Amino acid sequence: MSRKLIVATGNRGKVKEINAIVAEMGFDVQSLLDLEGAPEIIEDRDTFEGNAAKKAQTVFDVFGVPTLADDSGLVVDALDGAPGVYSARYGGPGLSDIERYEKLLHELRDVPDEQRTARFECALAFVETGTPPRIFRGTIEGKISYSPSGDNGFGYDPVFIPIERQCTMAELSDENKKKISHRGRALRAFEKWLKQTVDQ
């Protein structure tokens, strides 16, 4: 018997990635794209974990259904950790994914290859009745390319080269991306915890 789960995001790219994994765990998944009356949540925390916990708790409080929320972003060493928690708002409101990563490439235009190190970080928060948010983390190391490549992804995927690969995240197949992505790793940590709770 499936359990209901709300994935607290309206980002279609994240919905696709998360649903592909949690549906395999036996959940009947809905996202904020499927629900009427979803609250508008201002991501004003200074960590990925804080934003994910706020989103999960807020949505759970409205619908009373176990909720999983993600906050994730790109951390670039040469930019002192930017864009970080502001990844989705980098450069100001209203920019497209392309405009955001083009701004990033412009900022790094004079940075040599060995200093273009970066990582994608993801924090997942899970809230259900009677528990505080449980946090699961995932990270993937890599570097920023000099130009975008690939169209299978969203956000900064076309300019991020994972350390294990010679191509960008946007050039990976869905299956390969699921295996190595920061979100995939956080989701596997969530899955491991779920299995442990079932076995107890």
C-alpha atoms as a PDB file:
ATOM      1  CA  MET A   1       0.000   0.000   0.000  1.00  0.00           C
ATOM      2  CA  SER A   2       1.433   3.352  -1.027  1.00  0.00           C
ATOM      3  CA  ARG A   3       1.952   6.239   1.377  1.00  0.00           C
ATOM      4  CA  LYS A   4       1.122   9.789   0.417  1.00  0.00           C
ATOM      5  CA  LEU A   5       3.996  12.216   0.171  1.00  0.00           C
ATOM      6  CA  ILE A   6       4.119  15.862  -0.821  1.00  0.00           C
ATOM      7  CA  VAL A   7       7.289  17.069  -2.487  1.00  0.00           C
ATOM      8  CA  ALA A   8       7.354  20.721  -1.492  1.00  0.00           C
ATOM      9  CA  THR A   9       8.523  22.324  -4.714  1.00  0.00           C
ATOM     10  CA  GLY A  10       7.027  23.940  -7.754  1.00  0.00           C
ATOM     11  CA  ASN A  11      10.244  23.605  -9.745  1.00  0.00           C
ATOM     12  CA  ARG A  12       9.457  21.172 -12.559  1.00  0.00           C
ATOM     13  CA  GLY A  13      13.076  20.061 -12.862  1.00  0.00           C
ATOM     14  CA  LYS A  14      13.252  19.160  -9.180  1.00  0.00           C
ATOM     15  CA  VAL A  15       9.835  17.476  -9.324  1.00  0.00           C
ATOM     16  CA  LYS A  16      11.073  15.253 -12.149  1.00  0.00           C
ATOM     17  CA  GLU A  17      14.306  14.304 -10.376  1.00  0.00           C
ATOM     18  CA  ILE A  18      12.775  13.691  -6.951  1.00  0.00           C
ATOM     19  CA  ASN A  19       9.684  11.863  -8.192  1.00  0.00           C
ATOM     20  CA  ALA A  20      11.826   9.492 -10.248  1.00  0.00           C
ATOM     21  CA  ILE A  21      13.395   8.222  -7.025  1.00  0.00           C
ATOM     22  CA  VAL A  22      10.754   8.519  -4.307  1.00  0.00           C
ATOM     23  CA  ALA A  23       8.068   6.890  -6.455  1.00  0.00           C
ATOM     24  CA  GLU A  24      10.258   3.765  -6.392  1.00  0.00           C
ATOM     25  CA  MET A  25      10.026   3.836  -2.585  1.00  0.00           C
ATOM     26  CA  GLY A  26       6.290   3.184  -2.747  1.00  0.00           C
ATOM     27  CA  PHE A  27       5.038   6.740  -2.299  1.00  0.00           C
ATOM     28  CA  ASP A  28       2.027   8.285  -3.973  1.00  0.00           C
ATOM     29  CA  VAL A  29       3.714  11.598  -4.770  1.00  0.00           C
ATOM     30  CA  GLN A  30       2.251  15.039  -5.273  1.00  0.00           C
ATOM     31  CA  SER A  31       4.129  18.300  -5.706  1.00  0.00           C
ATOM     32  CA  LEU A  32       3.033  21.880  -5.143  1.00  0.00           C
ATOM     33  CA  LEU A  33       2.181  21.934  -8.857  1.00  0.00           C
ATOM     34  CA  ASP A  34      -0.613  19.447  -8.111  1.00  0.00           C
ATOM     35  CA  LEU A  35      -2.129  21.151  -5.059  1.00  0.00           C
ATOM     36  CA  GLU A  36      -4.503  24.048  -4.652  1.00  0.00           C
ATOM     37  CA  GLY A  37      -3.905  26.393  -1.750  1.00  0.00           C
ATOM     38  CA  ALA A  38      -0.171  25.738  -1.528  1.00  0.00           C
ATOM     39  CA  PRO A  39       1.492  28.387   0.648  1.00  0.00           C
ATOM     40  CA  GLU A  40       4.000  30.825  -0.762  1.00  0.00           C
ATOM     41  CA  ILE A  41       7.261  30.277   1.093  1.00  0.00           C
ATOM     42  CA  ILE A  42      10.019  32.859   1.331  1.00  0.00           C
ATOM     43  CA  GLU A  43      13.403  31.143   1.465  1.00  0.00           C
ATOM     44  CA  ASP A  44      15.068  33.493   3.935  1.00  0.00           C
ATOM     45  CA  ARG A  45      17.323  31.122   5.872  1.00  0.00           C
ATOM     46  CA  ASP A  46      21.096  31.315   5.463  1.00  0.00           C
ATOM     47  CA  THR A  47      21.652  27.577   4.953  1.00  0.00           C
ATOM     48  CA  PHE A  48      20.265  24.934   2.619  1.00  0.00           C
ATOM     49  CA  GLU A  49      19.174  22.941   5.669  1.00  0.00           C
ATOM     50  CA  GLY A  50      17.285  25.899   7.127  1.00  0.00           C
ATOM     51  CA  ASN A  51      15.403  26.617   3.924  1.00  0.00           C
ATOM     52  CA  ALA A  52      14.524  22.952   3.356  1.00  0.00           C
ATOM     53  CA  ALA A  53      13.220  22.586   6.925  1.00  0.00           C
ATOM     54  CA  LYS A  54      11.137  25.749   6.635  1.00  0.00           C
ATOM     55  CA  LYS A  55       9.546  24.586   3.382  1.00  0.00           C
ATOM     56  CA  ALA A  56       8.789  21.090   4.641  1.00  0.00           C
ATOM     57  CA  GLN A  57       7.302  22.281   7.927  1.00  0.00           C
ATOM     58  CA  THR A  58       5.202  25.013   6.305  1.00  0.00           C
ATOM     59  CA  VAL A  59       3.675  22.686   3.722  1.00  0.00           C
ATOM     60  CA  PHE A  60       3.074  19.941   6.291  1.00  0.00           C
ATOM     61  CA  ASP A  61       1.296  22.431   8.571  1.00  0.00           C
ATOM     62  CA  VAL A  62      -1.088  23.333   5.725  1.00  0.00           C
ATOM     63  CA  PHE A  63      -1.895  19.864   4.350  1.00  0.00           C
ATOM     64  CA  GLY A  64      -1.063  17.456   7.197  1.00  0.00           C
ATOM     65  CA  VAL A  65       0.598  15.029   4.781  1.00  0.00           C
ATOM     66  CA  PRO A  66       4.201  13.792   5.158  1.00  0.00           C
ATOM     67  CA  THR A  67       6.311  16.293   3.272  1.00  0.00           C
ATOM     68  CA  LEU A  68       9.754  16.234   1.682  1.00  0.00           C
ATOM     69  CA  ALA A  69      11.425  19.534   0.771  1.00  0.00           C
ATOM     70  CA  ASP A  70      14.682  20.237  -0.967  1.00  0.00           C
ATOM     71  CA  ASP A  71      16.976  23.212  -0.943  1.00  0.00           C
ATOM     72  CA  SER A  72      20.052  23.022  -3.051  1.00  0.00           C
ATOM     73  CA  GLY A  73      22.468  25.114  -4.981  1.00  0.00           C
ATOM     74  CA  LEU A  74      25.856  25.661  -6.463  1.00  0.00           C
ATOM     75  CA  VAL A  75      28.829  26.645  -4.302  1.00  0.00           C
ATOM     76  CA  VAL A  76      31.770  28.120  -6.235  1.00  0.00           C
ATOM     77  CA  ASP A  77      35.068  28.457  -4.406  1.00  0.00           C
ATOM     78  CA  ALA A  78      36.406  31.346  -6.500  1.00  0.00           C
ATOM     79  CA  LEU A  79      33.254  33.330  -5.650  1.00  0.00           C
ATOM     80  CA  ASP A  80      33.591  32.719  -1.898  1.00  0.00           C
ATOM     81  CA  GLY A  81      30.749  30.199  -1.927  1.00  0.00           C
ATOM     82  CA  ALA A  82      28.356  32.139  -4.151  1.00  0.00           C
ATOM     83  CA  PRO A  83      25.734  31.737  -5.441  1.00  0.00           C
ATOM     84  CA  GLY A  84      25.006  29.280  -2.586  1.00  0.00           C
ATOM     85  CA  VAL A  85      21.545  29.615  -1.050  1.00  0.00           C
ATOM     86  CA  TYR A  86      20.836  32.347  -3.619  1.00  0.00           C
ATOM     87  CA  SER A  87      21.424  30.016  -6.585  1.00  0.00           C
ATOM     88  CA  ALA A  88      17.838  30.279  -7.833  1.00  0.00           C
ATOM     89  CA  ARG A  89      17.904  34.065  -7.428  1.00  0.00           C
ATOM     90  CA  TYR A  90      21.453  34.775  -8.564  1.00  0.00           C
ATOM     91  CA  GLY A  91      21.646  38.053 -10.451  1.00  0.00           C
ATOM     92  CA  GLY A  92      18.254  39.211  -9.232  1.00  0.00           C
ATOM     93  CA  PRO A  93      14.629  38.208  -9.770  1.00  0.00           C
ATOM     94  CA  GLY A  94      13.209  37.339 -13.149  1.00  0.00           C
ATOM     95  CA  LEU A  95      16.331  35.886 -14.749  1.00  0.00           C
ATOM     96  CA  SER A  96      16.132  32.624 -16.672  1.00  0.00           C
ATOM     97  CA  ASP A  97      18.375  29.644 -15.960  1.00  0.00           C
ATOM     98  CA  ILE A  98      20.433  30.612 -19.008  1.00  0.00           C
ATOM     99  CA  GLU A  99      20.852  34.195 -17.842  1.00  0.00           C
ATOM    100  CA  ARG A 100      21.952  33.022 -14.403  1.00  0.00           C
ATOM    101  CA  TYR A 101      24.624  30.641 -15.621  1.00  0.00           C
ATOM    102  CA  GLU A 102      25.787  33.190 -18.191  1.00  0.00           C
ATOM    103  CA  LYS A 103      26.294  35.652 -15.335  1.00  0.00           C
ATOM    104  CA  LEU A 104      28.248  32.981 -13.473  1.00  0.00           C
ATOM    105  CA  LEU A 105      30.481  32.311 -16.477  1.00  0.00           C
ATOM    106  CA  HIS A 106      31.071  36.048 -16.848  1.00  0.00           C
ATOM    107  CA  GLU A 107      32.093  36.305 -13.194  1.00  0.00           C
ATOM    108  CA  LEU A 108      34.585  33.469 -13.746  1.00  0.00           C
ATOM    109  CA  ARG A 109      35.863  34.638 -17.119  1.00  0.00           C
ATOM    110  CA  ASP A 110      39.425  35.273 -15.861  1.00  0.00           C
ATOM    111  CA  VAL A 111      39.580  32.356 -13.402  1.00  0.00           C
ATOM    112  CA  PRO A 112      41.961  29.566 -14.508  1.00  0.00           C
ATOM    113  CA  ASP A 113      40.888  25.952 -14.733  1.00  0.00           C
ATOM    114  CA  GLU A 114      42.489  24.803 -11.477  1.00  0.00           C
ATOM    115  CA  GLN A 115      40.606  27.477  -9.531  1.00  0.00           C
ATOM    116  CA  ARG A 116      37.152  26.785 -11.008  1.00  0.00           C
ATOM    117  CA  THR A 117      36.312  24.184  -8.339  1.00  0.00           C
ATOM    118  CA  ALA A 118      32.706  24.005  -7.199  1.00  0.00           C
ATOM    119  CA  ARG A 119      30.125  21.679  -5.771  1.00  0.00           C
ATOM    120  CA  PHE A 120      26.409  21.117  -5.852  1.00  0.00           C
ATOM    121  CA  GLU A 121      24.936  20.746  -2.365  1.00  0.00           C
ATOM    122  CA  CYS A 122      21.487  19.465  -1.444  1.00  0.00           C
ATOM    123  CA  ALA A 123      19.619  19.335   1.842  1.00  0.00           C
ATOM    124  CA  LEU A 124      16.371  17.399   2.083  1.00  0.00           C
ATOM    125  CA  ALA A 125      14.003  17.874   5.001  1.00  0.00           C
ATOM    126  CA  PHE A 126      11.293  15.342   5.829  1.00  0.00           C
ATOM    127  CA  VAL A 127       8.413  16.183   8.156  1.00  0.00           C
ATOM    128  CA  GLU A 128       5.661  13.877   9.355  1.00  0.00           C
ATOM    129  CA  THR A 129       3.286  13.881  12.312  1.00  0.00           C
ATOM    130  CA  GLY A 130       4.929  14.425  15.660  1.00  0.00           C
ATOM    131  CA  THR A 131       8.523  14.818  14.521  1.00  0.00           C
ATOM    132  CA  PRO A 132      10.837  17.756  13.879  1.00  0.00           C
ATOM    133  CA  PRO A 133      12.313  17.981  10.364  1.00  0.00           C
ATOM    134  CA  ARG A 134      14.808  15.231   9.585  1.00  0.00           C
ATOM    135  CA  ILE A 135      17.663  16.406   7.364  1.00  0.00           C
ATOM    136  CA  PHE A 136      19.460  14.382   4.674  1.00  0.00           C
ATOM    137  CA  ARG A 137      22.415  15.763   2.729  1.00  0.00           C
ATOM    138  CA  GLY A 138      24.147  15.124  -0.564  1.00  0.00           C
ATOM    139  CA  THR A 139      27.115  16.758  -2.296  1.00  0.00           C
ATOM    140  CA  ILE A 140      28.886  16.334  -5.615  1.00  0.00           C
ATOM    141  CA  GLU A 141      32.263  17.916  -6.316  1.00  0.00           C
ATOM    142  CA  GLY A 142      33.272  19.288  -9.687  1.00  0.00           C
ATOM    143  CA  LYS A 143      34.251  22.409 -11.553  1.00  0.00           C
ATOM    144  CA  ILE A 144      32.705  25.112 -13.724  1.00  0.00           C
ATOM    145  CA  SER A 145      33.149  24.808 -17.469  1.00  0.00           C
ATOM    146  CA  TYR A 146      34.024  27.703 -19.767  1.00  0.00           C
ATOM    147  CA  SER A 147      30.845  27.357 -21.808  1.00  0.00           C
ATOM    148  CA  PRO A 148      27.494  25.557 -21.469  1.00  0.00           C
ATOM    149  CA  SER A 149      26.895  22.116 -22.918  1.00  0.00           C
ATOM    150  CA  GLY A 150      23.984  19.677 -22.848  1.00  0.00           C
ATOM    151  CA  ASP A 151      20.235  20.051 -22.543  1.00  0.00           C
ATOM    152  CA  ASN A 152      19.231  17.282 -20.118  1.00  0.00           C
ATOM    153  CA  GLY A 153      18.957  19.249 -16.932  1.00  0.00           C
ATOM    154  CA  PHE A 154      18.101  22.608 -15.439  1.00  0.00           C
ATOM    155  CA  GLY A 155      19.682  25.398 -13.448  1.00  0.00           C
ATOM    156  CA  TYR A 156      23.472  25.287 -13.577  1.00  0.00           C
ATOM    157  CA  ASP A 157      23.682  21.730 -14.938  1.00  0.00           C
ATOM    158  CA  PRO A 158      25.002  22.861 -18.371  1.00  0.00           C
ATOM    159  CA  VAL A 159      28.088  24.515 -16.810  1.00  0.00           C
ATOM    160  CA  PHE A 160      28.943  22.033 -14.028  1.00  0.00           C
ATOM    161  CA  ILE A 161      31.377  19.195 -14.739  1.00  0.00           C
ATOM    162  CA  PRO A 162      31.278  16.474 -12.048  1.00  0.00           C
ATOM    163  CA  ILE A 163      34.687  15.335 -10.845  1.00  0.00           C
ATOM    164  CA  GLU A 164      33.897  11.770 -11.961  1.00  0.00           C
ATOM    165  CA  ARG A 165      33.013  12.795 -15.517  1.00  0.00           C
ATOM    166  CA  GLN A 166      34.378  14.600 -18.569  1.00  0.00           C
ATOM    167  CA  CYS A 167      31.014  16.124 -19.428  1.00  0.00           C
ATOM    168  CA  THR A 168      28.527  18.457 -17.794  1.00  0.00           C
ATOM    169  CA  MET A 169      25.592  17.348 -15.656  1.00  0.00           C
ATOM    170  CA  ALA A 170      23.301  18.359 -18.515  1.00  0.00           C
ATOM    171  CA  GLU A 171      25.014  15.858 -20.817  1.00  0.00           C
ATOM    172  CA  LEU A 172      24.358  12.902 -18.527  1.00  0.00           C
ATOM    173  CA  SER A 173      21.426  10.538 -18.991  1.00  0.00           C
ATOM    174  CA  ASP A 174      18.704  10.624 -16.357  1.00  0.00           C
ATOM    175  CA  GLU A 175      19.929   7.282 -15.017  1.00  0.00           C
ATOM    176  CA  ASN A 176      23.545   8.378 -14.669  1.00  0.00           C
ATOM    177  CA  LYS A 177      22.564  11.707 -13.190  1.00  0.00           C
ATOM    178  CA  LYS A 178      20.401   9.965 -10.604  1.00  0.00           C
ATOM    179  CA  LYS A 179      23.377   7.864  -9.512  1.00  0.00           C
ATOM    180  CA  ILE A 180      25.830  10.693  -8.891  1.00  0.00           C
ATOM    181  CA  SER A 181      23.867  13.917  -8.350  1.00  0.00           C
ATOM    182  CA  HIS A 182      23.760  15.761  -5.038  1.00  0.00           C
ATOM    183  CA  ARG A 183      19.982  15.335  -4.973  1.00  0.00           C
ATOM    184  CA  GLY A 184      20.255  11.637  -5.788  1.00  0.00           C
ATOM    185  CA  ARG A 185      22.713  11.152  -2.934  1.00  0.00           C
ATOM    186  CA  ALA A 186      20.486  12.988  -0.470  1.00  0.00           C
ATOM    187  CA  LEU A 187      17.500  10.942  -1.614  1.00  0.00           C
ATOM    188  CA  ARG A 188      19.419   7.693  -1.118  1.00  0.00           C
ATOM    189  CA  ALA A 189      20.212   8.792   2.427  1.00  0.00           C
ATOM    190  CA  PHE A 190      16.492   9.412   2.915  1.00  0.00           C
ATOM    191  CA  GLU A 191      15.696   5.997   1.429  1.00  0.00           C
ATOM    192  CA  LYS A 192      18.214   4.297   3.739  1.00  0.00           C
ATOM    193  CA  TRP A 193      16.632   5.951   6.762  1.00  0.00           C
ATOM    194  CA  LEU A 194      13.150   4.937   5.594  1.00  0.00           C
ATOM    195  CA  LYS A 195      14.180   1.303   5.287  1.00  0.00           C
ATOM    196  CA  GLN A 196      15.705   1.363   8.758  1.00  0.00           C
ATOM    197  CA  THR A 197      12.504   2.740  10.269  1.00  0.00           C
ATOM    198  CA  VAL A 198      10.444   0.050   8.524  1.00  0.00           C
ATOM    199  CA  ASP A 199      12.761  -2.691   9.800  1.00  0.00           C
ATOM    200  CA  GLN A 200      12.585  -1.498  13.399  1.00  0.00           C
END
